[in-house]
Amino acid sequence: QTRKGKVILPSCLQGKKPNTIPNKKIEDPASGKVS
């Protein structure tokens, strides 16, 4: 049958982890990033 509403993807398929809130990150040059 034709769907009446949109399909909601689970958070694992959306690329998000459950129970997390993303931070607005400011790049820190001394944070030891891998280049």
PDB file of all heavy atoms in Angstrom:
ATOM      1  N   GLN A   1       0.842  -1.198   0.000  1.00  0.00           N
ATOM      2  CA  GLN A   1       0.000   0.000   0.000  1.00  0.00           C
ATOM      3  C   GLN A   1       0.884   1.257   0.000  1.00  0.00           C
ATOM      4  O   GLN A   1       1.984   1.251   0.539  1.00  0.00           O
ATOM      5  CB  GLN A   1      -0.904   0.017   1.245  1.00  0.00           C
ATOM      6  CG  GLN A   1      -1.799  -1.200   1.378  1.00  0.00           C
ATOM      7  CD  GLN A   1      -2.786  -1.313   0.228  1.00  0.00           C
ATOM      8  OE1 GLN A   1      -3.332  -0.325  -0.240  1.00  0.00           O
ATOM      9  NE2 GLN A   1      -2.995  -2.527  -0.243  1.00  0.00           N
ATOM     10  N   THR A   2       0.380   2.320  -0.592  1.00  0.00           N
ATOM     11  CA  THR A   2       1.119   3.577  -0.629  1.00  0.00           C
ATOM     12  C   THR A   2       1.216   4.158   0.783  1.00  0.00           C
ATOM     13  O   THR A   2       0.234   4.162   1.524  1.00  0.00           O
ATOM     14  CB  THR A   2       0.409   4.590  -1.554  1.00  0.00           C
ATOM     15  OG1 THR A   2       0.225   3.990  -2.831  1.00  0.00           O
ATOM     16  CG2 THR A   2       1.235   5.852  -1.713  1.00  0.00           C
ATOM     17  N   ARG A   3       2.427   4.627   1.158  1.00  0.00           N
ATOM     18  CA  ARG A   3       2.642   5.207   2.489  1.00  0.00           C
ATOM     19  C   ARG A   3       1.945   6.549   2.601  1.00  0.00           C
ATOM     20  O   ARG A   3       1.902   7.325   1.657  1.00  0.00           O
ATOM     21  CB  ARG A   3       4.128   5.406   2.750  1.00  0.00           C
ATOM     22  CG  ARG A   3       4.883   4.128   2.952  1.00  0.00           C
ATOM     23  CD  ARG A   3       6.306   4.451   3.409  1.00  0.00           C
ATOM     24  NE  ARG A   3       7.106   3.247   3.416  1.00  0.00           N
ATOM     25  CZ  ARG A   3       7.199   2.420   4.443  1.00  0.00           C
ATOM     26  NH1 ARG A   3       6.547   2.678   5.545  1.00  0.00           N
ATOM     27  NH2 ARG A   3       7.944   1.344   4.362  1.00  0.00           N
ATOM     28  N   LYS A   4       1.446   6.828   3.800  1.00  0.00           N
ATOM     29  CA  LYS A   4       0.775   8.095   4.046  1.00  0.00           C
ATOM     30  C   LYS A   4       1.750   9.150   4.565  1.00  0.00           C
ATOM     31  O   LYS A   4       1.531  10.336   4.393  1.00  0.00           O
ATOM     32  CB  LYS A   4      -0.358   7.893   5.037  1.00  0.00           C
ATOM     33  CG  LYS A   4      -1.486   7.049   4.475  1.00  0.00           C
ATOM     34  CD  LYS A   4      -2.546   6.800   5.524  1.00  0.00           C
ATOM     35  CE  LYS A   4      -3.701   5.996   5.021  1.00  0.00           C
ATOM     36  NZ  LYS A   4      -3.383   4.724   4.425  1.00  0.00           N
ATOM     37  N   GLY A   5       2.822   8.720   5.227  1.00  0.00           N
ATOM     38  CA  GLY A   5       3.798   9.661   5.789  1.00  0.00           C
ATOM     39  C   GLY A   5       5.211   9.307   5.364  1.00  0.00           C
ATOM     40  O   GLY A   5       5.449   8.297   4.691  1.00  0.00           O
ATOM     41  N   LYS A   6       6.150  10.156   5.777  1.00  0.00           N
ATOM     42  CA  LYS A   6       7.552   9.936   5.447  1.00  0.00           C
ATOM     43  C   LYS A   6       8.142   8.826   6.323  1.00  0.00           C
ATOM     44  O   LYS A   6       7.712   8.630   7.455  1.00  0.00           O
ATOM     45  CB  LYS A   6       8.358  11.213   5.681  1.00  0.00           C
ATOM     46  CG  LYS A   6       8.037  12.317   4.687  1.00  0.00           C
ATOM     47  CD  LYS A   6       8.861  13.542   4.972  1.00  0.00           C
ATOM     48  CE  LYS A   6      10.225  13.338   4.331  1.00  0.00           C
ATOM     49  NZ  LYS A   6      11.070  14.524   4.449  1.00  0.00           N
ATOM     50  N   VAL A   7       9.132   8.140   5.795  1.00  0.00           N
ATOM     51  CA  VAL A   7       9.848   7.117   6.552  1.00  0.00           C
ATOM     52  C   VAL A   7      10.936   7.812   7.368  1.00  0.00           C
ATOM     53  O   VAL A   7      11.740   8.572   6.824  1.00  0.00           O
ATOM     54  CB  VAL A   7      10.478   6.070   5.608  1.00  0.00           C
ATOM     55  CG1 VAL A   7      11.297   5.072   6.393  1.00  0.00           C
ATOM     56  CG2 VAL A   7       9.407   5.374   4.815  1.00  0.00           C
ATOM     57  N   ILE A   8      10.948   7.572   8.679  1.00  0.00           N
ATOM     58  CA  ILE A   8      11.950   8.168   9.550  1.00  0.00           C
ATOM     59  C   ILE A   8      13.070   7.153   9.735  1.00  0.00           C
ATOM     60  O   ILE A   8      12.841   6.050  10.238  1.00  0.00           O
ATOM     61  CB  ILE A   8      11.341   8.555  10.902  1.00  0.00           C
ATOM     62  CG1 ILE A   8      10.216   9.570  10.696  1.00  0.00           C
ATOM     63  CG2 ILE A   8      12.412   9.114  11.826  1.00  0.00           C
ATOM     64  CD1 ILE A   8       9.414   9.859  11.936  1.00  0.00           C
ATOM     65  N   LEU A   9      14.272   7.531   9.312  1.00  0.00           N
ATOM     66  CA  LEU A   9      15.415   6.648   9.443  1.00  0.00           C
ATOM     67  C   LEU A   9      15.905   6.634  10.878  1.00  0.00           C
ATOM     68  O   LEU A   9      15.879   7.663  11.567  1.00  0.00           O
ATOM     69  CB  LEU A   9      16.544   7.111   8.527  1.00  0.00           C
ATOM     70  CG  LEU A   9      16.296   6.971   7.023  1.00  0.00           C
ATOM     71  CD1 LEU A   9      17.438   7.596   6.250  1.00  0.00           C
ATOM     72  CD2 LEU A   9      16.143   5.523   6.639  1.00  0.00           C
ATOM     73  N   PRO A  10      16.383   5.469  11.351  1.00  0.00           N
ATOM     74  CA  PRO A  10      16.956   5.423  12.701  1.00  0.00           C
ATOM     75  C   PRO A  10      18.231   6.259  12.764  1.00  0.00           C
ATOM     76  O   PRO A  10      18.876   6.507  11.746  1.00  0.00           O
ATOM     77  CB  PRO A  10      17.259   3.939  12.929  1.00  0.00           C
ATOM     78  CG  PRO A  10      16.909   3.236  11.685  1.00  0.00           C
ATOM     79  CD  PRO A  10      16.340   4.174  10.713  1.00  0.00           C
ATOM     80  N   SER A  11      18.594   6.685  13.979  1.00  0.00           N
ATOM     81  CA  SER A  11      19.754   7.565  14.149  1.00  0.00           C
ATOM     82  C   SER A  11      21.051   6.915  13.688  1.00  0.00           C
ATOM     83  O   SER A  11      21.952   7.590  13.219  1.00  0.00           O
ATOM     84  CB  SER A  11      19.875   8.009  15.602  1.00  0.00           C
ATOM     85  OG  SER A  11      20.044   6.888  16.435  1.00  0.00           O
ATOM     86  N   CYS A  12      21.155   5.568  13.780  1.00  0.00           N
ATOM     87  CA  CYS A  12      22.383   4.907  13.352  1.00  0.00           C
ATOM     88  C   CYS A  12      22.576   5.021  11.839  1.00  0.00           C
ATOM     89  O   CYS A  12      23.703   5.063  11.350  1.00  0.00           O
ATOM     90  CB  CYS A  12      22.405   3.445  13.795  1.00  0.00           C
ATOM     91  SG  CYS A  12      21.074   2.459  13.103  1.00  0.00           S
ATOM     92  N   LEU A  13      21.488   5.094  11.072  1.00  0.00           N
ATOM     93  CA  LEU A  13      21.595   5.251   9.630  1.00  0.00           C
ATOM     94  C   LEU A  13      21.765   6.713   9.222  1.00  0.00           C
ATOM     95  O   LEU A  13      22.207   7.004   8.121  1.00  0.00           O
ATOM     96  CB  LEU A  13      20.363   4.666   8.927  1.00  0.00           C
ATOM     97  CG  LEU A  13      20.190   3.158   9.045  1.00  0.00           C
ATOM     98  CD1 LEU A  13      18.918   2.720   8.344  1.00  0.00           C
ATOM     99  CD2 LEU A  13      21.384   2.433   8.476  1.00  0.00           C
ATOM    100  N   GLN A  14      21.416   7.625  10.101  1.00  0.00           N
ATOM    101  CA  GLN A  14      21.577   9.040   9.814  1.00  0.00           C
ATOM    102  C   GLN A  14      22.985   9.525  10.150  1.00  0.00           C
ATOM    103  O   GLN A  14      23.314  10.670   9.929  1.00  0.00           O
ATOM    104  CB  GLN A  14      20.569   9.867  10.612  1.00  0.00           C
ATOM    105  CG  GLN A  14      19.144   9.648  10.192  1.00  0.00           C
ATOM    106  CD  GLN A  14      18.184  10.443  11.063  1.00  0.00           C
ATOM    107  OE1 GLN A  14      18.591  11.184  11.956  1.00  0.00           O
ATOM    108  NE2 GLN A  14      16.907  10.285  10.800  1.00  0.00           N
ATOM    109  N   GLY A  15      23.817   8.648  10.703  1.00  0.00           N
ATOM    110  CA  GLY A  15      25.175   9.039  11.057  1.00  0.00           C
ATOM    111  C   GLY A  15      25.295   9.648  12.431  1.00  0.00           C
ATOM    112  O   GLY A  15      26.314  10.195  12.790  1.00  0.00           O
ATOM    113  N   LYS A  16      24.250   9.563  13.246  1.00  0.00           N
ATOM    114  CA  LYS A  16      24.265  10.118  14.589  1.00  0.00           C
ATOM    115  C   LYS A  16      24.302   8.978  15.604  1.00  0.00           C
ATOM    116  O   LYS A  16      23.792   7.908  15.356  1.00  0.00           O
ATOM    117  CB  LYS A  16      23.024  10.953  14.854  1.00  0.00           C
ATOM    118  CG  LYS A  16      22.895  12.174  14.011  1.00  0.00           C
ATOM    119  CD  LYS A  16      21.691  12.965  14.484  1.00  0.00           C
ATOM    120  CE  LYS A  16      20.742  13.195  13.355  1.00  0.00           C
ATOM    121  NZ  LYS A  16      19.488  13.776  13.728  1.00  0.00           N
ATOM    122  N   LYS A  17      24.903   9.255  16.753  1.00  0.00           N
ATOM    123  CA  LYS A  17      24.865   8.308  17.848  1.00  0.00           C
ATOM    124  C   LYS A  17      23.716   8.684  18.774  1.00  0.00           C
ATOM    125  O   LYS A  17      23.433   9.859  18.962  1.00  0.00           O
ATOM    126  CB  LYS A  17      26.171   8.337  18.633  1.00  0.00           C
ATOM    127  CG  LYS A  17      27.337   7.789  17.864  1.00  0.00           C
ATOM    128  CD  LYS A  17      28.556   7.553  18.713  1.00  0.00           C
ATOM    129  CE  LYS A  17      28.892   8.664  19.628  1.00  0.00           C
ATOM    130  NZ  LYS A  17      30.158   8.546  20.310  1.00  0.00           N
ATOM    131  N   PRO A  18      23.044   7.700  19.371  1.00  0.00           N
ATOM    132  CA  PRO A  18      21.984   8.039  20.318  1.00  0.00           C
ATOM    133  C   PRO A  18      22.565   8.685  21.572  1.00  0.00           C
ATOM    134  O   PRO A  18      23.710   8.444  21.935  1.00  0.00           O
ATOM    135  CB  PRO A  18      21.345   6.685  20.628  1.00  0.00           C
ATOM    136  CG  PRO A  18      22.358   5.674  20.267  1.00  0.00           C
ATOM    137  CD  PRO A  18      23.203   6.280  19.189  1.00  0.00           C
ATOM    138  N   ASN A  19      21.782   9.501  22.222  1.00  0.00           N
ATOM    139  CA  ASN A  19      22.165  10.179  23.460  1.00  0.00           C
ATOM    140  C   ASN A  19      23.382  11.073  23.301  1.00  0.00           C
ATOM    141  O   ASN A  19      24.239  11.129  24.177  1.00  0.00           O
ATOM    142  CB  ASN A  19      22.408   9.177  24.596  1.00  0.00           C
ATOM    143  CG  ASN A  19      21.151   8.484  25.011  1.00  0.00           C
ATOM    144  OD1 ASN A  19      20.067   9.038  24.901  1.00  0.00           O
ATOM    145  ND2 ASN A  19      21.263   7.269  25.486  1.00  0.00           N
ATOM    146  N   THR A  20      23.515  11.777  22.157  1.00  0.00           N
ATOM    147  CA  THR A  20      24.608  12.718  21.973  1.00  0.00           C
ATOM    148  C   THR A  20      24.070  14.034  21.430  1.00  0.00           C
ATOM    149  O   THR A  20      23.068  14.070  20.730  1.00  0.00           O
ATOM    150  CB  THR A  20      25.676  12.199  20.993  1.00  0.00           C
ATOM    151  OG1 THR A  20      25.072  11.963  19.734  1.00  0.00           O
ATOM    152  CG2 THR A  20      26.337  10.937  21.498  1.00  0.00           C
ATOM    153  N   ILE A  21      24.769  15.094  21.767  1.00  0.00           N
ATOM    154  CA  ILE A  21      24.461  16.424  21.266  1.00  0.00           C
ATOM    155  C   ILE A  21      25.746  16.960  20.649  1.00  0.00           C
ATOM    156  O   ILE A  21      26.771  17.049  21.339  1.00  0.00           O
ATOM    157  CB  ILE A  21      24.005  17.351  22.413  1.00  0.00           C
ATOM    158  CG1 ILE A  21      22.799  16.755  23.135  1.00  0.00           C
ATOM    159  CG2 ILE A  21      23.717  18.746  21.888  1.00  0.00           C
ATOM    160  CD1 ILE A  21      22.489  17.418  24.447  1.00  0.00           C
ATOM    161  N   PRO A  22      25.758  17.298  19.341  1.00  0.00           N
ATOM    162  CA  PRO A  22      27.000  17.800  18.736  1.00  0.00           C
ATOM    163  C   PRO A  22      27.367  19.169  19.301  1.00  0.00           C
ATOM    164  O   PRO A  22      26.508  20.000  19.558  1.00  0.00           O
ATOM    165  CB  PRO A  22      26.681  17.873  17.248  1.00  0.00           C
ATOM    166  CG  PRO A  22      25.203  17.871  17.154  1.00  0.00           C
ATOM    167  CD  PRO A  22      24.677  17.204  18.383  1.00  0.00           C
ATOM    168  N   ASN A  23      28.683  19.391  19.509  1.00  0.00           N
ATOM    169  CA  ASN A  23      29.178  20.679  19.980  1.00  0.00           C
ATOM    170  C   ASN A  23      29.554  21.545  18.789  1.00  0.00           C
ATOM    171  O   ASN A  23      29.990  21.040  17.763  1.00  0.00           O
ATOM    172  CB  ASN A  23      30.426  20.494  20.852  1.00  0.00           C
ATOM    173  CG  ASN A  23      30.115  19.857  22.177  1.00  0.00           C
ATOM    174  OD1 ASN A  23      28.957  19.791  22.576  1.00  0.00           O
ATOM    175  ND2 ASN A  23      31.125  19.385  22.859  1.00  0.00           N
ATOM    176  N   LYS A  24      29.401  22.851  18.947  1.00  0.00           N
ATOM    177  CA  LYS A  24      29.897  23.772  17.937  1.00  0.00           C
ATOM    178  C   LYS A  24      31.378  23.939  18.228  1.00  0.00           C
ATOM    179  O   LYS A  24      31.763  24.606  19.175  1.00  0.00           O
ATOM    180  CB  LYS A  24      29.171  25.098  18.023  1.00  0.00           C
ATOM    181  CG  LYS A  24      27.701  24.967  17.693  1.00  0.00           C
ATOM    182  CD  LYS A  24      27.092  26.314  17.471  1.00  0.00           C
ATOM    183  CE  LYS A  24      25.638  26.324  17.157  1.00  0.00           C
ATOM    184  NZ  LYS A  24      24.931  25.190  16.849  1.00  0.00           N
ATOM    185  N   LYS A  25      32.220  23.298  17.421  1.00  0.00           N
ATOM    186  CA  LYS A  25      33.636  23.225  17.706  1.00  0.00           C
ATOM    187  C   LYS A  25      34.396  24.370  17.047  1.00  0.00           C
ATOM    188  O   LYS A  25      34.194  24.681  15.890  1.00  0.00           O
ATOM    189  CB  LYS A  25      34.189  21.890  17.226  1.00  0.00           C
ATOM    190  CG  LYS A  25      35.605  21.667  17.631  1.00  0.00           C
ATOM    191  CD  LYS A  25      36.072  20.320  17.226  1.00  0.00           C
ATOM    192  CE  LYS A  25      37.521  20.185  17.643  1.00  0.00           C
ATOM    193  NZ  LYS A  25      38.109  18.996  17.166  1.00  0.00           N
ATOM    194  N   ILE A  26      35.310  24.955  17.813  1.00  0.00           N
ATOM    195  CA  ILE A  26      36.221  25.960  17.294  1.00  0.00           C
ATOM    196  C   ILE A  26      37.574  25.288  17.161  1.00  0.00           C
ATOM    197  O   ILE A  26      38.057  24.666  18.099  1.00  0.00           O
ATOM    198  CB  ILE A  26      36.291  27.178  18.247  1.00  0.00           C
ATOM    199  CG1 ILE A  26      34.911  27.806  18.374  1.00  0.00           C
ATOM    200  CG2 ILE A  26      37.328  28.169  17.772  1.00  0.00           C
ATOM    201  CD1 ILE A  26      34.817  28.849  19.444  1.00  0.00           C
ATOM    202  N   GLU A  27      38.189  25.384  15.993  1.00  0.00           N
ATOM    203  CA  GLU A  27      39.462  24.721  15.723  1.00  0.00           C
ATOM    204  C   GLU A  27      40.534  25.260  16.655  1.00  0.00           C
ATOM    205  O   GLU A  27      40.748  26.463  16.758  1.00  0.00           O
ATOM    206  CB  GLU A  27      39.869  25.002  14.286  1.00  0.00           C
ATOM    207  CG  GLU A  27      40.160  23.863  13.347  1.00  0.00           C
ATOM    208  CD  GLU A  27      40.079  22.450  13.823  1.00  0.00           C
ATOM    209  OE1 GLU A  27      39.018  21.863  13.761  1.00  0.00           O
ATOM    210  OE2 GLU A  27      41.115  21.907  14.227  1.00  0.00           O
ATOM    211  N   ASP A  28      41.212  24.376  17.327  1.00  0.00           N
ATOM    212  CA  ASP A  28      42.307  24.729  18.218  1.00  0.00           C
ATOM    213  C   ASP A  28      43.596  24.239  17.586  1.00  0.00           C
ATOM    214  O   ASP A  28      43.784  23.031  17.420  1.00  0.00           O
ATOM    215  CB  ASP A  28      42.077  24.069  19.588  1.00  0.00           C
ATOM    216  CG  ASP A  28      43.142  24.441  20.602  1.00  0.00           C
ATOM    217  OD1 ASP A  28      43.904  25.394  20.339  1.00  0.00           O
ATOM    218  OD2 ASP A  28      43.209  23.772  21.651  1.00  0.00           O
ATOM    219  N   PRO A  29      44.538  25.150  17.233  1.00  0.00           N
ATOM    220  CA  PRO A  29      45.756  24.714  16.546  1.00  0.00           C
ATOM    221  C   PRO A  29      46.665  23.857  17.409  1.00  0.00           C
ATOM    222  O   PRO A  29      47.500  23.130  16.890  1.00  0.00           O
ATOM    223  CB  PRO A  29      46.436  26.029  16.161  1.00  0.00           C
ATOM    224  CG  PRO A  29      45.867  27.051  17.070  1.00  0.00           C
ATOM    225  CD  PRO A  29      44.485  26.584  17.418  1.00  0.00           C
ATOM    226  N   ALA A  30      46.498  23.891  18.723  1.00  0.00           N
ATOM    227  CA  ALA A  30      47.366  23.119  19.601  1.00  0.00           C
ATOM    228  C   ALA A  30      46.699  21.849  20.110  1.00  0.00           C
ATOM    229  O   ALA A  30      47.119  21.288  21.098  1.00  0.00           O
ATOM    230  CB  ALA A  30      47.799  23.978  20.778  1.00  0.00           C
ATOM    231  N   SER A  31      45.650  21.400  19.444  1.00  0.00           N
ATOM    232  CA  SER A  31      44.916  20.249  19.977  1.00  0.00           C
ATOM    233  C   SER A  31      45.521  18.914  19.556  1.00  0.00           C
ATOM    234  O   SER A  31      45.022  17.871  19.934  1.00  0.00           O
ATOM    235  CB  SER A  31      43.449  20.306  19.545  1.00  0.00           C
ATOM    236  OG  SER A  31      43.349  20.137  18.148  1.00  0.00           O
ATOM    237  N   GLY A  32      46.571  18.905  18.765  1.00  0.00           N
ATOM    238  CA  GLY A  32      47.247  17.660  18.414  1.00  0.00           C
ATOM    239  C   GLY A  32      46.544  16.877  17.342  1.00  0.00           C
ATOM    240  O   GLY A  32      46.431  15.668  17.424  1.00  0.00           O
ATOM    241  N   LYS A  33      46.046  17.529  16.323  1.00  0.00           N
ATOM    242  CA  LYS A  33      45.330  16.849  15.248  1.00  0.00           C
ATOM    243  C   LYS A  33      46.283  16.052  14.369  1.00  0.00           C
ATOM    244  O   LYS A  33      47.407  16.447  14.132  1.00  0.00           O
ATOM    245  CB  LYS A  33      44.572  17.854  14.369  1.00  0.00           C
ATOM    246  CG  LYS A  33      43.497  18.598  15.107  1.00  0.00           C
ATOM    247  CD  LYS A  33      42.385  17.675  15.479  1.00  0.00           C
ATOM    248  CE  LYS A  33      41.324  18.394  16.264  1.00  0.00           C
ATOM    249  NZ  LYS A  33      40.630  17.558  17.162  1.00  0.00           N
ATOM    250  N   VAL A  34      45.789  14.954  13.843  1.00  0.00           N
ATOM    251  CA  VAL A  34      46.541  14.137  12.904  1.00  0.00           C
ATOM    252  C   VAL A  34      46.451  14.796  11.532  1.00  0.00           C
ATOM    253  O   VAL A  34      45.377  15.172  11.097  1.00  0.00           O
ATOM    254  CB  VAL A  34      45.966  12.703  12.843  1.00  0.00           C
ATOM    255  CG1 VAL A  34      46.642  11.889  11.763  1.00  0.00           C
ATOM    256  CG2 VAL A  34      46.102  12.046  14.191  1.00  0.00           C
ATOM    257  N   SER A  35      47.590  14.937  10.853  1.00  0.00           N
ATOM    258  CA  SER A  35      47.577  15.584   9.541  1.00  0.00           C
ATOM    259  C   SER A  35      47.990  14.620   8.435  1.00  0.00           C
ATOM    260  O   SER A  35      48.503  15.042   7.411  1.00  0.00           O
ATOM    261  CB  SER A  35      48.488  16.812   9.554  1.00  0.00           C
ATOM    262  OG  SER A  35      49.800  16.421   9.892  1.00  0.00           O
TER     263      SER A  35
END
